[in-house]
């Protein structure tokens, strides 16, 4: 008798960073998530989505029900994703302007965020971006985004020992393990929301 291992269906995860800086620690968290999704975790296809080309939201750019091509392409990537992984720096107790802009473009009718699972990672000083995460969760309520509650991932990037190298790559092994746990939770939550039909 042949033993058939039940493989989890693959989920598509759109990874979005709220920082545009190349050496951003938050972008480093997403690079780590991408590395983890390639090897130790089966069934996750994670794709980094660059939000830097998006113009500032201006409804004058909407012509005959169409958005600018770069916005349409971004919205299509979000639409095709089963879930979202946000890396959100904290600016003035909130999310960054580029991230809010991307969120707003994708929420224009029809809202392409709706009914997707989501998770957040953040790095920074103090609470490691915790207030930005809280605000992003509030924004998600209106967008019908469903955030993983646990585990949470906040990282104080400036507390010794060093968590990142000089290029903004995560080097802290305990933090890498925590990102892996979050990805596994996002995977399970996404499959539950989709009824295991990804």
Protein backbone atom coordinates (compact mmCIF):
# COMPACT_ATOMS: atom_id res chain seq x y z
CA UNK A 1 0.00 0.00 0.00
CA UNK A 2 1.33 3.40 -0.99
CA UNK A 3 1.65 6.00 1.72
CA UNK A 4 0.70 9.42 0.44
CA UNK A 5 1.82 12.39 2.47
CA UNK A 6 -0.84 15.05 2.70
CA UNK A 7 0.81 18.25 1.56
CA UNK A 8 -0.62 21.59 2.55
CA UNK A 9 -1.89 23.62 -0.41
CA UNK A 10 0.47 26.43 -1.35
CA UNK A 11 -0.52 29.92 -0.33
CA UNK A 12 0.58 33.08 -2.13
CA UNK A 13 1.78 35.79 0.24
CA UNK A 14 2.35 39.37 -0.89
CA UNK A 15 5.14 40.94 1.21
CA UNK A 16 4.97 44.73 1.52
CA UNK A 17 7.44 47.01 3.26
CA UNK A 18 6.39 50.44 4.47
CA UNK A 19 9.96 51.73 4.29
CA UNK A 20 11.45 52.73 0.94
CA UNK A 21 15.03 52.81 2.27
CA UNK A 22 17.22 50.04 0.81
CA UNK A 23 19.00 49.39 4.12
CA UNK A 24 15.74 49.40 6.07
CA UNK A 25 15.61 46.95 8.97
CA UNK A 26 11.98 46.28 8.10
CA UNK A 27 12.97 45.35 4.57
CA UNK A 28 15.59 43.10 6.19
CA UNK A 29 12.79 41.33 8.07
CA UNK A 30 11.05 40.65 4.74
CA UNK A 31 14.28 39.32 3.20
CA UNK A 32 14.49 36.90 6.12
CA UNK A 33 10.87 35.86 5.58
CA UNK A 34 11.61 35.28 1.89
CA UNK A 35 14.62 33.10 2.77
CA UNK A 36 12.60 31.11 5.30
CA UNK A 37 9.74 30.56 2.84
CA UNK A 38 12.15 29.13 0.26
CA UNK A 39 13.51 26.33 2.43
CA UNK A 40 12.15 25.33 5.85
CA UNK A 41 8.46 26.00 5.17
CA UNK A 42 6.51 23.98 2.63
CA UNK A 43 3.53 25.55 0.93
CA UNK A 44 4.33 29.27 1.10
CA UNK A 45 5.10 31.33 -2.00
CA UNK A 46 6.18 34.73 -0.75
CA UNK A 47 6.65 37.60 -3.21
CA UNK A 48 8.05 41.03 -2.36
CA UNK A 49 5.85 43.79 -3.83
CA UNK A 50 7.64 47.14 -4.28
CA UNK A 51 5.40 50.09 -3.42
CA UNK A 52 7.93 52.81 -4.30
CA UNK A 53 6.63 53.36 -7.89
CA UNK A 54 3.09 54.13 -6.71
CA UNK A 55 2.05 57.77 -7.20
CA UNK A 56 0.46 59.59 -4.29
CA UNK A 57 -3.24 58.84 -4.19
CA UNK A 58 -5.09 61.29 -6.38
CA UNK A 59 -8.52 60.38 -7.72
CA UNK A 60 -7.88 62.69 -10.70
CA UNK A 61 -5.61 59.86 -11.92
CA UNK A 62 -8.62 57.55 -12.14
CA UNK A 63 -9.91 57.79 -15.71
CA UNK A 64 -12.99 55.93 -16.98
CA UNK A 65 -12.88 53.54 -14.01
CA UNK A 66 -9.21 52.74 -14.62
CA UNK A 67 -6.18 53.41 -12.47
CA UNK A 68 -2.67 54.30 -13.65
CA UNK A 69 -0.89 51.16 -15.00
CA UNK A 70 1.51 50.92 -12.05
CA UNK A 71 -1.46 51.06 -9.66
CA UNK A 72 -3.40 48.47 -11.68
CA UNK A 73 -0.37 46.14 -11.56
CA UNK A 74 -0.05 46.60 -7.79
CA UNK A 75 -3.76 45.99 -7.23
CA UNK A 76 -3.57 42.82 -9.35
CA UNK A 77 -0.69 41.47 -7.21
CA UNK A 78 -2.75 42.04 -4.07
CA UNK A 79 -5.84 40.50 -5.66
CA UNK A 80 -3.89 37.35 -6.63
CA UNK A 81 -2.39 36.93 -3.14
CA UNK A 82 -4.04 34.72 -0.54
CA UNK A 83 -2.54 36.71 2.31
CA UNK A 84 -0.35 39.71 3.10
CA UNK A 85 2.82 40.12 5.16
CA UNK A 86 3.40 43.74 6.14
CA UNK A 87 6.73 45.06 7.42
CA UNK A 88 5.75 48.29 9.06
CA UNK A 89 8.14 50.84 10.51
CA UNK A 90 6.64 53.28 12.99
CA UNK A 91 6.61 56.98 12.16
CA UNK A 92 4.93 59.34 14.64
CA UNK A 93 3.01 56.49 16.32
CA UNK A 94 1.59 55.32 13.00
CA UNK A 95 2.31 53.60 9.68
CA UNK A 96 4.48 55.30 7.09
CA UNK A 97 3.09 57.53 4.34
CA UNK A 98 4.20 55.13 1.55
CA UNK A 99 2.44 52.21 3.23
CA UNK A 100 -0.75 54.18 3.85
CA UNK A 101 -0.67 55.33 0.22
CA UNK A 102 -0.39 51.73 -1.01
CA UNK A 103 -3.19 50.65 1.30
CA UNK A 104 -5.41 53.46 0.03
CA UNK A 105 -4.79 52.68 -3.66
CA UNK A 106 -5.67 49.02 -3.17
CA UNK A 107 -8.79 49.90 -1.19
CA UNK A 108 -10.28 51.94 -4.04
CA UNK A 109 -13.32 50.17 -5.52
CA UNK A 110 -13.27 47.28 -5.64
CA UNK A 111 -11.31 46.82 -2.40
CA UNK A 112 -8.71 44.11 -3.19
CA UNK A 113 -7.66 43.67 0.47
CA UNK A 114 -11.01 42.18 1.51
CA UNK A 115 -11.17 38.74 3.15
CA UNK A 116 -7.41 38.16 3.16
CA UNK A 117 -5.33 36.96 6.08
CA UNK A 118 -2.47 39.23 7.13
CA UNK A 119 0.46 39.39 9.50
CA UNK A 120 2.83 42.16 10.58
CA UNK A 121 6.52 42.33 11.41
CA UNK A 122 8.27 45.48 12.56
CA UNK A 123 11.63 46.69 13.78
CA UNK A 124 12.56 50.01 15.30
CA UNK A 125 13.38 51.68 18.59
CA UNK A 126 11.44 51.47 21.83
CA UNK A 127 8.57 49.03 21.36
CA UNK A 128 9.87 47.99 17.93
CA UNK A 129 7.01 49.45 15.90
CA UNK A 130 4.20 48.26 18.14
CA UNK A 131 2.10 51.42 17.82
CA UNK A 132 2.30 51.27 14.02
CA UNK A 133 1.14 47.65 14.18
CA UNK A 134 -1.81 48.64 16.35
CA UNK A 135 -2.79 51.39 13.90
CA UNK A 136 -2.39 49.04 10.92
CA UNK A 137 -4.74 46.58 12.62
CA UNK A 138 -7.29 49.39 13.06
CA UNK A 139 -7.02 50.26 9.35
CA UNK A 140 -7.45 46.57 8.53
CA UNK A 141 -10.82 46.45 10.28
CA UNK A 142 -12.36 48.76 7.68
CA UNK A 143 -10.61 46.94 4.82
CA UNK A 144 -11.84 43.49 5.94
CA UNK A 145 -8.25 42.31 6.44
CA UNK A 146 -7.98 39.56 9.04
CA UNK A 147 -4.77 39.79 11.07
CA UNK A 148 -3.07 36.91 12.83
CA UNK A 149 -3.24 37.74 16.54
CA UNK A 150 -0.37 35.58 17.72
CA UNK A 151 2.52 35.33 17.61
CA UNK A 152 3.29 39.03 17.43
CA UNK A 153 6.64 40.21 16.06
CA UNK A 154 8.13 43.47 17.34
CA UNK A 155 11.90 43.93 17.40
CA UNK A 156 13.89 46.65 19.11
CA UNK A 157 16.59 46.98 16.46
CA UNK A 158 18.92 49.09 18.58
CA UNK A 159 19.14 47.04 21.76
CA UNK A 160 22.37 44.98 22.09
CA UNK A 161 23.37 42.50 20.93
CA UNK A 162 23.23 43.57 17.26
CA UNK A 163 20.16 42.29 15.44
CA UNK A 164 21.14 43.42 11.92
CA UNK A 165 24.34 43.64 9.90
CA UNK A 166 25.49 46.85 8.20
CA UNK A 167 23.36 46.08 5.12
CA UNK A 168 20.15 45.76 7.15
CA UNK A 169 20.05 41.94 7.07
CA UNK A 170 18.67 40.20 10.14
CA UNK A 171 21.40 38.20 11.89
CA UNK A 172 19.66 37.39 15.18
CA UNK A 173 18.81 33.67 15.19
CA UNK A 174 16.06 33.94 17.82
CA UNK A 175 14.31 36.60 15.73
CA UNK A 176 14.58 34.43 12.62
CA UNK A 177 12.87 31.62 14.51
CA UNK A 178 10.11 34.01 15.62
CA UNK A 179 9.53 35.06 11.98
CA UNK A 180 9.27 31.40 11.02
CA UNK A 181 6.63 30.87 13.74
CA UNK A 182 4.68 33.88 12.45
CA UNK A 183 4.80 32.57 8.87
CA UNK A 184 3.52 29.17 10.01
CA UNK A 185 0.69 30.89 11.87
CA UNK A 186 -0.14 33.01 8.80
CA UNK A 187 -0.15 29.88 6.65
CA UNK A 188 -2.51 28.03 9.00
CA UNK A 189 -4.81 31.05 9.36
CA UNK A 190 -4.91 31.62 5.59
CA UNK A 191 -5.83 28.00 4.93
CA UNK A 192 -8.53 28.16 7.59
CA UNK A 193 -10.03 31.33 6.07
CA UNK A 194 -9.91 29.81 2.58
CA UNK A 195 -11.31 26.48 3.73
CA UNK A 196 -8.04 24.75 2.65
CA UNK A 197 -8.73 25.69 -0.99
CA UNK A 198 -5.68 27.79 -1.90
